[in-house]
Amino acid sequence: MLELSGIHKTFNIGTINEKKALVDVNLKVEEGDFITVIGGNGAGKSTMLNIIAGVFSPEEGRIVIDGVDVTRMPEYKRASMVGRVFQDPMVGTAGNMNIEENLALANRRGSRRGLRWNIKKEEREFFKEKLKMLDLNLEDRLTTKVGLLSGGQRQALTLLMATLKKPKVLLLDEHTAALDPKTASKVLSLTDELTGSQNITTIMITHNMKDAIKYGNRLIMMMGGSIIYDVKGEEKANLTVQDLLAKFEQNSGGDFANDRMLLS
């Protein structure tokens, strides 16, 4: 479903602030894979997701989504293939619009839209059924402004919107990091349910090593802009946090010192 071949990305080329963000990244993702991505700050995790989404273009390498070479395809043309949920719950929804209007935007992605919403009864019933899956009692609040929802509710709604029309690839960039632990756990469970029920190919960045082990069928670790560890199946299922710490220290040649990941 997704293949990155020899991807290189450098920021501020030729200046004192030159930074190699991705160095010869190669990644082949099968349809239905749920990959968790971990690594310290500056490892290249978010840059890799932005490269896939089309926010940045690589200096070298090739990106293929479902057989289509999208390496030079602009972000807006790639949007019909890629779903995204960001760390900030406020980013993925329009706060001044109500719930059903937000869902209508997501449901009509890639289609021609007129000047009026004209949300039909069947479409409204479809939205209600989908909202019931969230178990947040939003199905009876279709006309509520999204800006009145809590951060957790907005993030759950964003996740639903990103998967309403099955994307080729779903990118989750620390989408629970800004939520309290209880709400984060709820959103992660929803993520697992929504992606699993539709067999959506998913890449999820997380700083929580326990979550990285618990969710998905595959885990990759990044450091210095490269993938240094790639594990799946039974080997991943048997991983422990100590295993991940040992792997990081083995590759870095020093002690693991990312407080954020340790505290998670």
C-alpha atoms as a PDB file:
ATOM      1  CA  MET A   1       0.000   0.000   0.000  1.00  0.00           C
ATOM      2  CA  LEU A   2       2.903   2.359   0.737  1.00  0.00           C
ATOM      3  CA  GLU A   3       6.563   2.295  -0.193  1.00  0.00           C
ATOM      4  CA  LEU A   4       9.325   4.761   0.624  1.00  0.00           C
ATOM      5  CA  SER A   5      12.540   4.139  -1.296  1.00  0.00           C
ATOM      6  CA  GLY A   6      15.829   5.913  -0.547  1.00  0.00           C
ATOM      7  CA  ILE A   7      14.195   9.000   0.975  1.00  0.00           C
ATOM      8  CA  HIS A   8      16.502  11.868   1.897  1.00  0.00           C
ATOM      9  CA  LYS A   9      15.295  15.171   3.369  1.00  0.00           C
ATOM     10  CA  THR A  10      17.520  18.037   4.528  1.00  0.00           C
ATOM     11  CA  PHE A  11      16.336  21.365   5.885  1.00  0.00           C
ATOM     12  CA  ASN A  12      18.200  24.703   5.491  1.00  0.00           C
ATOM     13  CA  ILE A  13      20.630  23.269   2.950  1.00  0.00           C
ATOM     14  CA  GLY A  14      23.900  25.170   2.716  1.00  0.00           C
ATOM     15  CA  THR A  15      23.381  27.179   5.901  1.00  0.00           C
ATOM     16  CA  ILE A  16      24.758  26.938   9.407  1.00  0.00           C
ATOM     17  CA  ASN A  17      21.412  25.464  10.428  1.00  0.00           C
ATOM     18  CA  GLU A  18      21.512  22.604   7.902  1.00  0.00           C
ATOM     19  CA  LYS A  19      19.763  19.556   9.344  1.00  0.00           C
ATOM     20  CA  LYS A  20      19.548  16.094   7.809  1.00  0.00           C
ATOM     21  CA  ALA A  21      16.031  15.072   8.834  1.00  0.00           C
ATOM     22  CA  LEU A  22      15.750  11.817   6.855  1.00  0.00           C
ATOM     23  CA  VAL A  23      18.689   9.736   5.640  1.00  0.00           C
ATOM     24  CA  ASP A  24      18.066   6.914   3.141  1.00  0.00           C
ATOM     25  CA  VAL A  25      14.704   5.885   4.614  1.00  0.00           C
ATOM     26  CA  ASN A  26      13.298   2.689   3.110  1.00  0.00           C
ATOM     27  CA  LEU A  27       9.918   1.421   4.267  1.00  0.00           C
ATOM     28  CA  LYS A  28       7.467  -0.986   2.673  1.00  0.00           C
ATOM     29  CA  VAL A  29       4.006  -1.032   4.269  1.00  0.00           C
ATOM     30  CA  GLU A  30       1.516  -3.770   3.422  1.00  0.00           C
ATOM     31  CA  GLU A  31      -2.214  -3.132   3.185  1.00  0.00           C
ATOM     32  CA  GLY A  32      -3.789  -3.262   6.650  1.00  0.00           C
ATOM     33  CA  ASP A  33      -0.499  -2.822   8.524  1.00  0.00           C
ATOM     34  CA  PHE A  34      -0.739  -0.791  11.747  1.00  0.00           C
ATOM     35  CA  ILE A  35       2.764   0.515  12.407  1.00  0.00           C
ATOM     36  CA  THR A  36       3.746   2.323  15.594  1.00  0.00           C
ATOM     37  CA  VAL A  37       6.754   4.651  15.350  1.00  0.00           C
ATOM     38  CA  ILE A  38       8.969   5.620  18.274  1.00  0.00           C
ATOM     39  CA  GLY A  39      12.192   7.577  18.651  1.00  0.00           C
ATOM     40  CA  GLY A  40      13.689  10.565  20.447  1.00  0.00           C
ATOM     41  CA  ASN A  41      13.104  14.197  19.555  1.00  0.00           C
ATOM     42  CA  GLY A  42      14.557  15.004  16.138  1.00  0.00           C
ATOM     43  CA  ALA A  43      14.590  11.366  15.050  1.00  0.00           C
ATOM     44  CA  GLY A  44      12.661  12.163  11.867  1.00  0.00           C
ATOM     45  CA  LYS A  45       9.269  10.701  12.800  1.00  0.00           C
ATOM     46  CA  SER A  46       7.065  13.686  11.959  1.00  0.00           C
ATOM     47  CA  THR A  47       9.171  14.569   8.911  1.00  0.00           C
ATOM     48  CA  MET A  48       8.532  11.070   7.546  1.00  0.00           C
ATOM     49  CA  LEU A  49       4.769  11.532   7.963  1.00  0.00           C
ATOM     50  CA  ASN A  50       4.941  14.962   6.328  1.00  0.00           C
ATOM     51  CA  ILE A  51       6.866  13.481   3.396  1.00  0.00           C
ATOM     52  CA  ILE A  52       4.140  10.834   2.957  1.00  0.00           C
ATOM     53  CA  ALA A  53       1.390  13.469   3.169  1.00  0.00           C
ATOM     54  CA  GLY A  54       3.136  15.757   0.679  1.00  0.00           C
ATOM     55  CA  VAL A  55       3.867  18.650   3.045  1.00  0.00           C
ATOM     56  CA  PHE A  56       7.557  18.324   2.138  1.00  0.00           C
ATOM     57  CA  SER A  57       9.265  16.921  -0.953  1.00  0.00           C
ATOM     58  CA  PRO A  58      12.391  14.779  -0.610  1.00  0.00           C
ATOM     59  CA  GLU A  59      15.653  15.699  -2.307  1.00  0.00           C
ATOM     60  CA  GLU A  60      16.105  12.058  -3.225  1.00  0.00           C
ATOM     61  CA  GLY A  61      13.926   8.987  -3.230  1.00  0.00           C
ATOM     62  CA  ARG A  62      10.501   7.783  -4.301  1.00  0.00           C
ATOM     63  CA  ILE A  63       7.088   7.557  -2.611  1.00  0.00           C
ATOM     64  CA  VAL A  64       4.446   5.165  -3.935  1.00  0.00           C
ATOM     65  CA  ILE A  65       0.906   4.878  -2.536  1.00  0.00           C
ATOM     66  CA  ASP A  66      -1.205   1.977  -3.793  1.00  0.00           C
ATOM     67  CA  GLY A  67       0.853   1.693  -6.957  1.00  0.00           C
ATOM     68  CA  VAL A  68       0.819   5.437  -7.731  1.00  0.00           C
ATOM     69  CA  ASP A  69       4.088   7.396  -7.678  1.00  0.00           C
ATOM     70  CA  VAL A  70       3.207  10.479  -5.613  1.00  0.00           C
ATOM     71  CA  THR A  71       6.751  11.760  -5.043  1.00  0.00           C
ATOM     72  CA  ARG A  72       6.092  15.071  -6.820  1.00  0.00           C
ATOM     73  CA  MET A  73       2.337  15.134  -6.314  1.00  0.00           C
ATOM     74  CA  PRO A  74       1.254  18.227  -4.287  1.00  0.00           C
ATOM     75  CA  GLU A  75      -0.325  17.815  -0.875  1.00  0.00           C
ATOM     76  CA  TYR A  76      -3.843  18.848  -1.955  1.00  0.00           C
ATOM     77  CA  LYS A  77      -3.926  16.175  -4.675  1.00  0.00           C
ATOM     78  CA  ARG A  78      -2.631  13.555  -2.254  1.00  0.00           C
ATOM     79  CA  ALA A  79      -5.297  14.438   0.340  1.00  0.00           C
ATOM     80  CA  SER A  80      -7.837  12.004  -1.118  1.00  0.00           C
ATOM     81  CA  MET A  81      -5.410   9.148  -0.403  1.00  0.00           C
ATOM     82  CA  VAL A  82      -4.162  10.200   3.024  1.00  0.00           C
ATOM     83  CA  GLY A  83      -6.036  10.710   6.298  1.00  0.00           C
ATOM     84  CA  ARG A  84      -4.322  12.626   9.115  1.00  0.00           C
ATOM     85  CA  VAL A  85      -4.879  13.273  12.798  1.00  0.00           C
ATOM     86  CA  PHE A  86      -2.542  15.709  14.538  1.00  0.00           C
ATOM     87  CA  GLN A  87      -1.474  16.164  18.154  1.00  0.00           C
ATOM     88  CA  ASP A  88      -3.587  19.301  18.649  1.00  0.00           C
ATOM     89  CA  PRO A  89      -7.311  18.374  18.929  1.00  0.00           C
ATOM     90  CA  MET A  90      -8.221  21.824  17.545  1.00  0.00           C
ATOM     91  CA  VAL A  91      -6.486  21.267  14.193  1.00  0.00           C
ATOM     92  CA  GLY A  92      -8.628  18.540  12.620  1.00  0.00           C
ATOM     93  CA  THR A  93     -12.077  20.135  12.993  1.00  0.00           C
ATOM     94  CA  ALA A  94     -13.740  23.478  12.250  1.00  0.00           C
ATOM     95  CA  GLY A  95     -14.830  24.840  15.624  1.00  0.00           C
ATOM     96  CA  ASN A  96     -17.287  27.379  14.215  1.00  0.00           C
ATOM     97  CA  MET A  97     -19.202  24.654  12.352  1.00  0.00           C
ATOM     98  CA  ASN A  98     -21.463  22.045  13.917  1.00  0.00           C
ATOM     99  CA  ILE A  99     -20.828  18.316  14.138  1.00  0.00           C
ATOM    100  CA  GLU A 100     -22.864  17.277  11.104  1.00  0.00           C
ATOM    101  CA  GLU A 101     -21.275  19.985   8.944  1.00  0.00           C
ATOM    102  CA  ASN A 102     -17.802  18.753   9.898  1.00  0.00           C
ATOM    103  CA  LEU A 103     -18.814  15.183   9.078  1.00  0.00           C
ATOM    104  CA  ALA A 104     -20.327  16.301   5.774  1.00  0.00           C
ATOM    105  CA  LEU A 105     -17.012  17.922   4.816  1.00  0.00           C
ATOM    106  CA  ALA A 106     -15.207  14.651   5.498  1.00  0.00           C
ATOM    107  CA  ASN A 107     -17.856  12.542   3.776  1.00  0.00           C
ATOM    108  CA  ARG A 108     -17.726  14.654   0.601  1.00  0.00           C
ATOM    109  CA  ARG A 109     -13.941  14.708   0.366  1.00  0.00           C
ATOM    110  CA  GLY A 110     -12.916  14.377  -3.246  1.00  0.00           C
ATOM    111  CA  SER A 111     -16.427  15.180  -4.538  1.00  0.00           C
ATOM    112  CA  ARG A 112     -17.799  18.333  -6.118  1.00  0.00           C
ATOM    113  CA  ARG A 113     -19.577  20.534  -3.560  1.00  0.00           C
ATOM    114  CA  GLY A 114     -22.139  23.263  -4.076  1.00  0.00           C
ATOM    115  CA  LEU A 115     -22.713  26.411  -2.060  1.00  0.00           C
ATOM    116  CA  ARG A 116     -25.275  24.777   0.256  1.00  0.00           C
ATOM    117  CA  TRP A 117     -24.855  21.930   2.696  1.00  0.00           C
ATOM    118  CA  ASN A 118     -28.200  20.274   1.912  1.00  0.00           C
ATOM    119  CA  ILE A 119     -27.521  17.375   4.301  1.00  0.00           C
ATOM    120  CA  LYS A 120     -30.021  14.659   3.428  1.00  0.00           C
ATOM    121  CA  LYS A 121     -31.899  12.503   5.925  1.00  0.00           C
ATOM    122  CA  GLU A 122     -29.999   9.373   4.872  1.00  0.00           C
ATOM    123  CA  GLU A 123     -26.673  11.170   5.332  1.00  0.00           C
ATOM    124  CA  ARG A 124     -27.720  12.387   8.778  1.00  0.00           C
ATOM    125  CA  GLU A 125     -28.698   8.846   9.826  1.00  0.00           C
ATOM    126  CA  PHE A 126     -25.330   7.595   8.549  1.00  0.00           C
ATOM    127  CA  PHE A 127     -23.566  10.178  10.706  1.00  0.00           C
ATOM    128  CA  LYS A 128     -25.567   9.136  13.760  1.00  0.00           C
ATOM    129  CA  GLU A 129     -24.617   5.481  13.303  1.00  0.00           C
ATOM    130  CA  LYS A 130     -20.951   6.358  12.978  1.00  0.00           C
ATOM    131  CA  LEU A 131     -21.045   8.657  16.024  1.00  0.00           C
ATOM    132  CA  LYS A 132     -22.556   5.869  18.137  1.00  0.00           C
ATOM    133  CA  MET A 133     -19.290   3.969  17.682  1.00  0.00           C
ATOM    134  CA  LEU A 134     -17.512   6.698  19.650  1.00  0.00           C
ATOM    135  CA  ASP A 135     -19.721   6.092  22.695  1.00  0.00           C
ATOM    136  CA  LEU A 136     -19.575   9.795  23.575  1.00  0.00           C
ATOM    137  CA  ASN A 137     -23.296  10.581  23.202  1.00  0.00           C
ATOM    138  CA  LEU A 138     -22.590  12.831  20.208  1.00  0.00           C
ATOM    139  CA  GLU A 139     -25.128  11.166  17.928  1.00  0.00           C
ATOM    140  CA  ASP A 140     -27.911  13.322  19.397  1.00  0.00           C
ATOM    141  CA  ARG A 141     -25.853  16.530  19.203  1.00  0.00           C
ATOM    142  CA  LEU A 142     -25.435  16.885  15.454  1.00  0.00           C
ATOM    143  CA  THR A 143     -26.189  20.617  15.503  1.00  0.00           C
ATOM    144  CA  THR A 144     -23.792  21.383  18.380  1.00  0.00           C
ATOM    145  CA  LYS A 145     -20.880  23.642  17.469  1.00  0.00           C
ATOM    146  CA  VAL A 146     -17.662  21.631  17.522  1.00  0.00           C
ATOM    147  CA  GLY A 147     -15.959  24.473  19.414  1.00  0.00           C
ATOM    148  CA  LEU A 148     -18.094  23.567  22.436  1.00  0.00           C
ATOM    149  CA  LEU A 149     -16.738  20.007  22.624  1.00  0.00           C
ATOM    150  CA  SER A 150     -13.934  18.881  24.918  1.00  0.00           C
ATOM    151  CA  GLY A 151     -10.468  18.149  23.528  1.00  0.00           C
ATOM    152  CA  GLY A 152     -11.075  14.410  23.752  1.00  0.00           C
ATOM    153  CA  GLN A 153     -14.422  14.657  21.972  1.00  0.00           C
ATOM    154  CA  ARG A 154     -12.894  16.767  19.214  1.00  0.00           C
ATOM    155  CA  GLN A 155     -10.015  14.341  18.745  1.00  0.00           C
ATOM    156  CA  ALA A 156     -12.414  11.382  18.575  1.00  0.00           C
ATOM    157  CA  LEU A 157     -14.480  13.295  16.009  1.00  0.00           C
ATOM    158  CA  THR A 158     -11.331  14.115  14.013  1.00  0.00           C
ATOM    159  CA  LEU A 159     -10.411  10.420  14.000  1.00  0.00           C
ATOM    160  CA  LEU A 160     -13.892   9.517  12.764  1.00  0.00           C
ATOM    161  CA  MET A 161     -13.671  12.178  10.031  1.00  0.00           C
ATOM    162  CA  ALA A 162     -10.257  10.900   8.906  1.00  0.00           C
ATOM    163  CA  THR A 163     -11.640   7.363   8.483  1.00  0.00           C
ATOM    164  CA  LEU A 164     -15.185   8.163   7.290  1.00  0.00           C
ATOM    165  CA  LYS A 165     -14.073   7.608   3.697  1.00  0.00           C
ATOM    166  CA  LYS A 166     -11.413   4.915   3.966  1.00  0.00           C
ATOM    167  CA  PRO A 167      -8.030   6.476   3.161  1.00  0.00           C
ATOM    168  CA  LYS A 168      -5.228   4.545   1.507  1.00  0.00           C
ATOM    169  CA  VAL A 169      -3.024   5.494   4.469  1.00  0.00           C
ATOM    170  CA  LEU A 170      -3.916   6.967   7.877  1.00  0.00           C
ATOM    171  CA  LEU A 171      -1.213   9.064   9.577  1.00  0.00           C
ATOM    172  CA  LEU A 172      -1.475   9.665  13.343  1.00  0.00           C
ATOM    173  CA  ASP A 173       1.074  12.146  14.674  1.00  0.00           C
ATOM    174  CA  GLU A 174       1.011  11.706  18.465  1.00  0.00           C
ATOM    175  CA  HIS A 175      -2.756  12.168  18.309  1.00  0.00           C
ATOM    176  CA  THR A 176      -3.265  11.408  22.018  1.00  0.00           C
ATOM    177  CA  ALA A 177      -0.299  13.367  23.441  1.00  0.00           C
ATOM    178  CA  ALA A 178      -2.382  16.438  24.378  1.00  0.00           C
ATOM    179  CA  LEU A 179      -5.095  14.411  26.150  1.00  0.00           C
ATOM    180  CA  ASP A 180      -5.315  13.299  29.776  1.00  0.00           C
ATOM    181  CA  PRO A 181      -4.449   9.593  30.338  1.00  0.00           C
ATOM    182  CA  LYS A 182      -8.056   8.377  30.599  1.00  0.00           C
ATOM    183  CA  THR A 183      -9.178  10.218  27.465  1.00  0.00           C
ATOM    184  CA  ALA A 184      -6.013   9.178  25.610  1.00  0.00           C
ATOM    185  CA  SER A 185      -6.750   5.535  26.402  1.00  0.00           C
ATOM    186  CA  LYS A 186     -10.296   5.945  25.077  1.00  0.00           C
ATOM    187  CA  VAL A 187      -9.103   7.543  21.831  1.00  0.00           C
ATOM    188  CA  LEU A 188      -6.472   4.821  21.336  1.00  0.00           C
ATOM    189  CA  SER A 189      -9.131   2.122  21.770  1.00  0.00           C
ATOM    190  CA  LEU A 190     -11.282   3.916  19.186  1.00  0.00           C
ATOM    191  CA  THR A 191      -8.275   4.112  16.879  1.00  0.00           C
ATOM    192  CA  ASP A 192      -7.759   0.375  17.150  1.00  0.00           C
ATOM    193  CA  GLU A 193     -11.450  -0.308  16.520  1.00  0.00           C
ATOM    194  CA  LEU A 194     -11.896   2.076  13.577  1.00  0.00           C
ATOM    195  CA  THR A 195      -8.718   1.035  11.772  1.00  0.00           C
ATOM    196  CA  GLY A 196      -9.201  -2.664  12.457  1.00  0.00           C
ATOM    197  CA  SER A 197     -12.830  -2.801  11.316  1.00  0.00           C
ATOM    198  CA  GLN A 198     -11.922  -1.205   7.964  1.00  0.00           C
ATOM    199  CA  ASN A 199      -8.450  -2.744   7.595  1.00  0.00           C
ATOM    200  CA  ILE A 200      -6.951   0.744   7.232  1.00  0.00           C
ATOM    201  CA  THR A 201      -3.203   0.965   6.665  1.00  0.00           C
ATOM    202  CA  THR A 202      -2.019   3.081   9.614  1.00  0.00           C
ATOM    203  CA  ILE A 203       1.200   4.706  10.823  1.00  0.00           C
ATOM    204  CA  MET A 204       1.072   6.062  14.375  1.00  0.00           C
ATOM    205  CA  ILE A 205       3.799   8.096  16.058  1.00  0.00           C
ATOM    206  CA  THR A 206       3.830   7.806  19.835  1.00  0.00           C
ATOM    207  CA  HIS A 207       6.196   8.692  22.682  1.00  0.00           C
ATOM    208  CA  ASN A 208       4.559   6.078  24.891  1.00  0.00           C
ATOM    209  CA  MET A 209       6.581   2.880  24.566  1.00  0.00           C
ATOM    210  CA  LYS A 210       3.870   0.767  26.211  1.00  0.00           C
ATOM    211  CA  ASP A 211       1.339   1.978  23.632  1.00  0.00           C
ATOM    212  CA  ALA A 212       3.838   1.347  20.842  1.00  0.00           C
ATOM    213  CA  ILE A 213       4.089  -2.264  21.971  1.00  0.00           C
ATOM    214  CA  LYS A 214       0.378  -2.744  22.699  1.00  0.00           C
ATOM    215  CA  TYR A 215      -1.065  -1.395  19.461  1.00  0.00           C
ATOM    216  CA  GLY A 216      -0.455  -2.456  15.889  1.00  0.00           C
ATOM    217  CA  ASN A 217       1.216  -5.418  14.246  1.00  0.00           C
ATOM    218  CA  ARG A 218       4.557  -3.740  13.586  1.00  0.00           C
ATOM    219  CA  LEU A 219       6.902  -1.297  15.344  1.00  0.00           C
ATOM    220  CA  ILE A 220       9.732   0.789  13.970  1.00  0.00           C
ATOM    221  CA  MET A 221      12.292   2.843  15.880  1.00  0.00           C
ATOM    222  CA  MET A 222      13.932   5.896  14.334  1.00  0.00           C
ATOM    223  CA  MET A 223      17.098   7.736  15.246  1.00  0.00           C
ATOM    224  CA  GLY A 224      19.075  10.399  13.391  1.00  0.00           C
ATOM    225  CA  GLY A 225      16.676  10.361  10.457  1.00  0.00           C
ATOM    226  CA  SER A 226      16.945   6.621   9.836  1.00  0.00           C
ATOM    227  CA  ILE A 227      14.989   3.511  10.739  1.00  0.00           C
ATOM    228  CA  ILE A 228      17.196   1.543  13.118  1.00  0.00           C
ATOM    229  CA  TYR A 229      14.766  -1.174  14.212  1.00  0.00           C
ATOM    230  CA  ASP A 230      11.786  -2.829  12.509  1.00  0.00           C
ATOM    231  CA  VAL A 231       9.891  -5.612  14.248  1.00  0.00           C
ATOM    232  CA  LYS A 232       6.532  -7.294  13.714  1.00  0.00           C
ATOM    233  CA  GLY A 233       4.371 -10.303  14.495  1.00  0.00           C
ATOM    234  CA  GLU A 234       5.166 -12.517  17.456  1.00  0.00           C
ATOM    235  CA  GLU A 235       8.512 -10.834  18.065  1.00  0.00           C
ATOM    236  CA  LYS A 236       6.739  -7.499  18.520  1.00  0.00           C
ATOM    237  CA  ALA A 237       4.072  -9.065  20.740  1.00  0.00           C
ATOM    238  CA  ASN A 238       6.784 -10.328  23.086  1.00  0.00           C
ATOM    239  CA  LEU A 239       8.612  -6.984  23.320  1.00  0.00           C
ATOM    240  CA  THR A 240       9.033  -5.150  26.620  1.00  0.00           C
ATOM    241  CA  VAL A 241       9.918  -1.532  27.345  1.00  0.00           C
ATOM    242  CA  GLN A 242      13.308  -2.736  28.561  1.00  0.00           C
ATOM    243  CA  ASP A 243      13.885  -4.395  25.182  1.00  0.00           C
ATOM    244  CA  LEU A 244      13.233  -1.075  23.435  1.00  0.00           C
ATOM    245  CA  LEU A 245      15.533   0.815  25.797  1.00  0.00           C
ATOM    246  CA  ALA A 246      18.286  -1.743  25.205  1.00  0.00           C
ATOM    247  CA  LYS A 247      17.826  -1.522  21.440  1.00  0.00           C
ATOM    248  CA  PHE A 248      18.048   2.279  21.522  1.00  0.00           C
ATOM    249  CA  GLU A 249      21.173   2.260  23.689  1.00  0.00           C
ATOM    250  CA  GLN A 250      22.767  -0.396  21.493  1.00  0.00           C
ATOM    251  CA  ASN A 251      22.307   1.753  18.387  1.00  0.00           C
ATOM    252  CA  SER A 252      23.087   5.114  19.978  1.00  0.00           C
ATOM    253  CA  GLY A 253      26.113   3.962  21.906  1.00  0.00           C
ATOM    254  CA  GLY A 254      24.867   5.701  25.045  1.00  0.00           C
ATOM    255  CA  ASP A 255      22.183   5.765  27.701  1.00  0.00           C
ATOM    256  CA  PHE A 256      18.607   6.482  26.719  1.00  0.00           C
ATOM    257  CA  ALA A 257      17.858   9.992  27.945  1.00  0.00           C
ATOM    258  CA  ASN A 258      14.460  11.024  26.600  1.00  0.00           C
ATOM    259  CA  ASP A 259      12.519  12.008  29.710  1.00  0.00           C
ATOM    260  CA  ARG A 260       9.262  12.362  27.802  1.00  0.00           C
ATOM    261  CA  MET A 261       9.330   8.745  26.635  1.00  0.00           C
ATOM    262  CA  LEU A 262      10.451   7.428  30.007  1.00  0.00           C
ATOM    263  CA  LEU A 263       7.684   9.328  31.839  1.00  0.00           C
ATOM    264  CA  SER A 264       5.107   8.034  29.352  1.00  0.00           C
END
